[in-house]
Amino acid sequence: MRTSWKTGISFGLTSGVITTLGLMVGLHSGTHSRAIVIGGILTIAIADAMSDALGIHVSEESKNNAPMSQIWEATLATFAAKFVVSVTFIMPVIFAPLDQAIVISVIWGLLLLTA
């Protein structure tokens, strides 16, 4: 696997897990609303994935040592990884009681980070 893909996937996965779980736990603690937690996850999946992808793009571009194709690969891999990882946290929220969904999501996040 090319370094650009590894960069994007590893950053997107790690950031996706940490930011999504942080938001989920905070929204659950403050609102106890399934709809608000799902809305927060979707916000992270779209807006934060775009933000992280842009950050990786600018970072890779500033190094001045990679072809533009590899910079775009890292950008797209970051967006895709963060989006996909974040969206996976919606499933427990939809199918389990919200308190249990948070616990399931924390376990899922730990598995993703340690696997």
N, C-alpha and C. Protein backbone atom coordinates (compact mmCIF):
# COMPACT_ATOMS: atom_id res chain seq x y z
N MET A 1 0.85 -1.18 0.00
CA MET A 1 0.00 0.00 0.00
C MET A 1 0.89 1.24 0.00
N ARG A 2 0.51 2.21 -0.80
CA ARG A 2 1.29 3.43 -0.91
C ARG A 2 1.20 4.26 0.37
N THR A 3 2.25 5.01 0.61
CA THR A 3 2.32 5.84 1.81
C THR A 3 1.17 6.83 1.89
N SER A 4 0.76 7.37 0.75
CA SER A 4 -0.33 8.35 0.76
C SER A 4 -1.62 7.73 1.27
N TRP A 5 -1.89 6.49 0.86
CA TRP A 5 -3.10 5.80 1.35
C TRP A 5 -2.98 5.48 2.83
N LYS A 6 -1.80 5.02 3.25
CA LYS A 6 -1.59 4.72 4.66
C LYS A 6 -1.79 5.96 5.53
N THR A 7 -1.27 7.08 5.06
CA THR A 7 -1.41 8.34 5.80
C THR A 7 -2.88 8.68 5.99
N GLY A 8 -3.61 8.66 4.89
CA GLY A 8 -5.02 9.04 4.95
C GLY A 8 -5.86 8.09 5.77
N ILE A 9 -5.66 6.81 5.57
CA ILE A 9 -6.47 5.82 6.28
C ILE A 9 -6.17 5.83 7.77
N SER A 10 -4.89 5.86 8.13
CA SER A 10 -4.55 5.82 9.55
C SER A 10 -5.03 7.08 10.28
N PHE A 11 -4.87 8.23 9.65
CA PHE A 11 -5.34 9.46 10.29
C PHE A 11 -6.86 9.49 10.36
N GLY A 12 -7.51 9.14 9.26
CA GLY A 12 -8.98 9.16 9.22
C GLY A 12 -9.60 8.20 10.21
N LEU A 13 -9.02 7.01 10.33
CA LEU A 13 -9.56 6.01 11.26
C LEU A 13 -9.42 6.49 12.70
N THR A 14 -8.23 6.91 13.06
CA THR A 14 -7.99 7.35 14.43
C THR A 14 -8.85 8.57 14.78
N SER A 15 -8.84 9.55 13.92
CA SER A 15 -9.62 10.75 14.17
C SER A 15 -11.12 10.46 14.18
N GLY A 16 -11.55 9.58 13.28
CA GLY A 16 -12.97 9.22 13.23
C GLY A 16 -13.46 8.59 14.52
N VAL A 17 -12.67 7.70 15.07
CA VAL A 17 -13.06 7.04 16.31
C VAL A 17 -13.09 8.03 17.47
N ILE A 18 -12.02 8.76 17.63
CA ILE A 18 -11.89 9.64 18.80
C ILE A 18 -12.91 10.77 18.78
N THR A 19 -13.05 11.46 17.65
CA THR A 19 -13.98 12.59 17.62
C THR A 19 -15.44 12.13 17.68
N THR A 20 -15.74 11.03 17.02
CA THR A 20 -17.13 10.55 17.04
C THR A 20 -17.52 10.10 18.43
N LEU A 21 -16.66 9.34 19.09
CA LEU A 21 -16.99 8.90 20.45
C LEU A 21 -17.10 10.07 21.42
N GLY A 22 -16.20 11.03 21.30
CA GLY A 22 -16.27 12.20 22.17
C GLY A 22 -17.58 12.95 22.00
N LEU A 23 -17.98 13.13 20.76
CA LEU A 23 -19.23 13.83 20.50
C LEU A 23 -20.42 13.02 20.98
N MET A 24 -20.41 11.72 20.73
CA MET A 24 -21.53 10.87 21.14
C MET A 24 -21.73 10.89 22.65
N VAL A 25 -20.65 10.71 23.38
CA VAL A 25 -20.75 10.69 24.84
C VAL A 25 -21.23 12.05 25.35
N GLY A 26 -20.71 13.12 24.79
CA GLY A 26 -21.13 14.46 25.22
C GLY A 26 -22.59 14.75 24.91
N LEU A 27 -23.01 14.42 23.69
CA LEU A 27 -24.41 14.67 23.33
C LEU A 27 -25.36 13.79 24.13
N HIS A 28 -24.96 12.55 24.36
CA HIS A 28 -25.81 11.67 25.17
C HIS A 28 -25.93 12.20 26.59
N SER A 29 -24.82 12.61 27.17
CA SER A 29 -24.84 13.13 28.54
C SER A 29 -25.69 14.39 28.66
N GLY A 30 -25.64 15.23 27.64
CA GLY A 30 -26.36 16.49 27.71
C GLY A 30 -27.81 16.43 27.28
N THR A 31 -28.16 15.49 26.40
CA THR A 31 -29.51 15.51 25.84
C THR A 31 -30.30 14.22 26.02
N HIS A 32 -29.63 13.09 26.07
CA HIS A 32 -30.28 11.77 26.09
C HIS A 32 -31.23 11.61 24.91
N SER A 33 -30.88 12.20 23.77
CA SER A 33 -31.73 12.16 22.58
C SER A 33 -31.05 11.36 21.47
N ARG A 34 -31.72 10.31 21.03
CA ARG A 34 -31.21 9.48 19.93
C ARG A 34 -31.04 10.32 18.66
N ALA A 35 -32.03 11.15 18.34
CA ALA A 35 -31.97 11.97 17.12
C ALA A 35 -30.79 12.94 17.14
N ILE A 36 -30.53 13.53 18.28
CA ILE A 36 -29.42 14.49 18.38
C ILE A 36 -28.09 13.76 18.27
N VAL A 37 -27.96 12.59 18.87
CA VAL A 37 -26.72 11.82 18.76
C VAL A 37 -26.48 11.42 17.30
N ILE A 38 -27.52 10.96 16.62
CA ILE A 38 -27.38 10.60 15.20
C ILE A 38 -27.01 11.83 14.37
N GLY A 39 -27.65 12.96 14.65
CA GLY A 39 -27.30 14.20 13.95
C GLY A 39 -25.85 14.60 14.16
N GLY A 40 -25.37 14.43 15.38
CA GLY A 40 -23.97 14.72 15.68
C GLY A 40 -23.02 13.81 14.93
N ILE A 41 -23.36 12.53 14.87
CA ILE A 41 -22.52 11.58 14.13
C ILE A 41 -22.46 11.96 12.66
N LEU A 42 -23.60 12.29 12.08
CA LEU A 42 -23.62 12.69 10.66
C LEU A 42 -22.82 13.97 10.43
N THR A 43 -22.88 14.88 11.38
CA THR A 43 -22.10 16.12 11.27
C THR A 43 -20.61 15.81 11.26
N ILE A 44 -20.18 14.95 12.18
CA ILE A 44 -18.78 14.54 12.22
C ILE A 44 -18.40 13.84 10.92
N ALA A 45 -19.27 12.94 10.47
CA ALA A 45 -18.97 12.14 9.28
C ALA A 45 -18.77 13.01 8.04
N ILE A 46 -19.50 14.10 7.95
CA ILE A 46 -19.39 14.94 6.75
C ILE A 46 -18.45 16.13 6.98
N ALA A 47 -18.80 17.00 7.90
CA ALA A 47 -18.05 18.24 8.06
C ALA A 47 -16.64 18.02 8.60
N ASP A 48 -16.50 17.19 9.61
CA ASP A 48 -15.18 16.97 10.19
C ASP A 48 -14.30 16.15 9.26
N ALA A 49 -14.91 15.24 8.50
CA ALA A 49 -14.13 14.49 7.51
C ALA A 49 -13.59 15.43 6.43
N MET A 50 -14.40 16.38 6.01
CA MET A 50 -13.92 17.36 5.02
C MET A 50 -12.80 18.22 5.61
N SER A 51 -12.96 18.63 6.84
CA SER A 51 -11.95 19.45 7.50
C SER A 51 -10.63 18.70 7.64
N ASP A 52 -10.70 17.46 8.10
CA ASP A 52 -9.47 16.66 8.26
C ASP A 52 -8.81 16.39 6.91
N ALA A 53 -9.63 16.12 5.89
CA ALA A 53 -9.07 15.86 4.56
C ALA A 53 -8.34 17.10 4.04
N LEU A 54 -8.93 18.27 4.25
CA LEU A 54 -8.27 19.50 3.83
C LEU A 54 -6.98 19.71 4.61
N GLY A 55 -7.00 19.42 5.91
CA GLY A 55 -5.79 19.55 6.72
C GLY A 55 -4.67 18.65 6.23
N ILE A 56 -5.00 17.40 5.91
CA ILE A 56 -4.00 16.47 5.37
C ILE A 56 -3.49 16.98 4.02
N HIS A 57 -4.41 17.48 3.19
CA HIS A 57 -4.03 17.99 1.87
C HIS A 57 -3.01 19.13 2.00
N VAL A 58 -3.31 20.10 2.84
CA VAL A 58 -2.42 21.25 3.03
C VAL A 58 -1.09 20.79 3.63
N SER A 59 -1.15 19.88 4.58
CA SER A 59 0.07 19.37 5.21
C SER A 59 0.97 18.66 4.20
N GLU A 60 0.37 17.78 3.41
CA GLU A 60 1.16 17.05 2.41
C GLU A 60 1.69 17.99 1.33
N GLU A 61 0.88 18.96 0.94
CA GLU A 61 1.29 19.92 -0.08
C GLU A 61 2.47 20.77 0.40
N SER A 62 2.48 21.10 1.67
CA SER A 62 3.54 21.97 2.21
C SER A 62 4.89 21.27 2.28
N LYS A 63 4.90 19.95 2.20
CA LYS A 63 6.17 19.21 2.24
C LYS A 63 6.96 19.36 0.95
N ASN A 64 6.27 19.69 -0.15
CA ASN A 64 6.91 19.92 -1.45
C ASN A 64 7.73 18.74 -1.96
N ASN A 65 7.39 17.52 -1.56
CA ASN A 65 8.19 16.39 -2.03
C ASN A 65 7.34 15.24 -2.59
N ALA A 66 6.06 15.43 -2.72
CA ALA A 66 5.19 14.36 -3.23
C ALA A 66 4.47 14.85 -4.48
N PRO A 67 4.26 13.94 -5.43
CA PRO A 67 3.47 14.32 -6.61
C PRO A 67 2.04 14.64 -6.21
N MET A 68 1.40 15.48 -7.00
CA MET A 68 0.04 15.91 -6.70
C MET A 68 -0.92 14.73 -6.61
N SER A 69 -0.69 13.68 -7.38
CA SER A 69 -1.59 12.51 -7.32
C SER A 69 -1.55 11.86 -5.95
N GLN A 70 -0.37 11.79 -5.34
CA GLN A 70 -0.26 11.20 -4.00
C GLN A 70 -0.88 12.10 -2.94
N ILE A 71 -0.78 13.40 -3.14
CA ILE A 71 -1.42 14.34 -2.21
C ILE A 71 -2.92 14.14 -2.24
N TRP A 72 -3.49 14.01 -3.44
CA TRP A 72 -4.94 13.81 -3.56
C TRP A 72 -5.35 12.44 -3.03
N GLU A 73 -4.49 11.43 -3.20
CA GLU A 73 -4.79 10.11 -2.63
C GLU A 73 -4.91 10.19 -1.12
N ALA A 74 -3.97 10.87 -0.48
CA ALA A 74 -4.01 11.03 0.98
C ALA A 74 -5.24 11.81 1.40
N THR A 75 -5.59 12.83 0.63
CA THR A 75 -6.77 13.65 0.93
C THR A 75 -8.03 12.81 0.87
N LEU A 76 -8.21 12.09 -0.23
CA LEU A 76 -9.42 11.28 -0.41
C LEU A 76 -9.47 10.11 0.57
N ALA A 77 -8.32 9.51 0.85
CA ALA A 77 -8.29 8.40 1.81
C ALA A 77 -8.67 8.89 3.21
N THR A 78 -8.22 10.08 3.57
CA THR A 78 -8.58 10.64 4.87
C THR A 78 -10.08 10.87 4.96
N PHE A 79 -10.64 11.50 3.92
CA PHE A 79 -12.08 11.75 3.93
C PHE A 79 -12.86 10.45 4.00
N ALA A 80 -12.51 9.50 3.14
CA ALA A 80 -13.26 8.23 3.09
C ALA A 80 -13.16 7.47 4.40
N ALA A 81 -11.95 7.38 4.96
CA ALA A 81 -11.77 6.63 6.21
C ALA A 81 -12.55 7.28 7.35
N LYS A 82 -12.46 8.59 7.47
CA LYS A 82 -13.16 9.26 8.57
C LYS A 82 -14.67 9.14 8.39
N PHE A 83 -15.15 9.31 7.16
CA PHE A 83 -16.58 9.22 6.90
C PHE A 83 -17.10 7.82 7.22
N VAL A 84 -16.45 6.81 6.69
CA VAL A 84 -16.92 5.43 6.89
C VAL A 84 -16.86 5.03 8.35
N VAL A 85 -15.74 5.32 9.00
CA VAL A 85 -15.60 4.96 10.42
C VAL A 85 -16.66 5.67 11.25
N SER A 86 -16.86 6.95 11.02
CA SER A 86 -17.86 7.70 11.80
C SER A 86 -19.26 7.15 11.60
N VAL A 87 -19.61 6.83 10.37
CA VAL A 87 -20.96 6.34 10.07
C VAL A 87 -21.23 4.98 10.73
N THR A 88 -20.19 4.18 10.95
CA THR A 88 -20.42 2.87 11.59
C THR A 88 -20.97 3.01 13.00
N PHE A 89 -20.74 4.15 13.63
CA PHE A 89 -21.23 4.35 14.99
C PHE A 89 -22.73 4.62 15.04
N ILE A 90 -23.36 4.83 13.89
CA ILE A 90 -24.81 5.05 13.86
C ILE A 90 -25.57 3.76 14.14
N MET A 91 -25.05 2.63 13.70
CA MET A 91 -25.78 1.36 13.83
C MET A 91 -26.20 1.04 15.27
N PRO A 92 -25.29 1.09 16.23
CA PRO A 92 -25.74 0.80 17.60
C PRO A 92 -26.79 1.79 18.10
N VAL A 93 -26.68 3.04 17.69
CA VAL A 93 -27.63 4.06 18.13
C VAL A 93 -29.02 3.78 17.57
N ILE A 94 -29.07 3.25 16.37
CA ILE A 94 -30.36 2.93 15.75
C ILE A 94 -30.99 1.69 16.37
N PHE A 95 -30.17 0.66 16.61
CA PHE A 95 -30.71 -0.65 16.96
C PHE A 95 -30.70 -1.00 18.45
N ALA A 96 -30.02 -0.21 19.27
CA ALA A 96 -29.96 -0.53 20.71
C ALA A 96 -30.48 0.67 21.51
N PRO A 97 -30.91 0.42 22.74
CA PRO A 97 -31.25 1.55 23.61
C PRO A 97 -30.02 2.47 23.72
N LEU A 98 -30.26 3.76 23.84
CA LEU A 98 -29.18 4.74 23.74
C LEU A 98 -28.06 4.51 24.76
N ASP A 99 -28.41 4.18 26.00
CA ASP A 99 -27.37 3.91 27.00
C ASP A 99 -26.48 2.75 26.58
N GLN A 100 -27.10 1.69 26.08
CA GLN A 100 -26.33 0.53 25.61
C GLN A 100 -25.55 0.86 24.35
N ALA A 101 -26.14 1.67 23.48
CA ALA A 101 -25.48 2.04 22.23
C ALA A 101 -24.16 2.78 22.49
N ILE A 102 -24.14 3.59 23.52
CA ILE A 102 -22.91 4.32 23.87
C ILE A 102 -21.84 3.33 24.31
N VAL A 103 -22.20 2.37 25.15
CA VAL A 103 -21.24 1.36 25.61
C VAL A 103 -20.75 0.52 24.43
N ILE A 104 -21.67 0.09 23.59
CA ILE A 104 -21.30 -0.69 22.40
C ILE A 104 -20.35 0.12 21.51
N SER A 105 -20.64 1.40 21.35
CA SER A 105 -19.80 2.25 20.51
C SER A 105 -18.40 2.43 21.09
N VAL A 106 -18.30 2.56 22.40
CA VAL A 106 -16.98 2.67 23.02
C VAL A 106 -16.19 1.39 22.79
N ILE A 107 -16.82 0.25 22.95
CA ILE A 107 -16.15 -1.03 22.70
C ILE A 107 -15.74 -1.13 21.23
N TRP A 108 -16.64 -0.76 20.32
CA TRP A 108 -16.34 -0.78 18.89
C TRP A 108 -15.15 0.13 18.58
N GLY A 109 -15.14 1.32 19.17
CA GLY A 109 -14.03 2.24 18.95
C GLY A 109 -12.70 1.69 19.44
N LEU A 110 -12.72 1.07 20.62
CA LEU A 110 -11.49 0.46 21.15
C LEU A 110 -11.00 -0.66 20.25
N LEU A 111 -11.93 -1.46 19.73
CA LEU A 111 -11.55 -2.53 18.80
C LEU A 111 -10.92 -1.96 17.53
N LEU A 112 -11.50 -0.90 17.00
CA LEU A 112 -10.94 -0.29 15.79
C LEU A 112 -9.54 0.26 16.03
N LEU A 113 -9.33 0.87 17.19
CA LEU A 113 -8.03 1.47 17.47
C LEU A 113 -6.95 0.45 17.80
N THR A 114 -7.35 -0.69 18.32
CA THR A 114 -6.34 -1.68 18.73
C THR A 114 -6.14 -2.81 17.73
N ALA A 115 -7.00 -2.90 16.73
CA ALA A 115 -6.89 -4.01 15.76
C ALA A 115 -5.81 -3.75 14.74
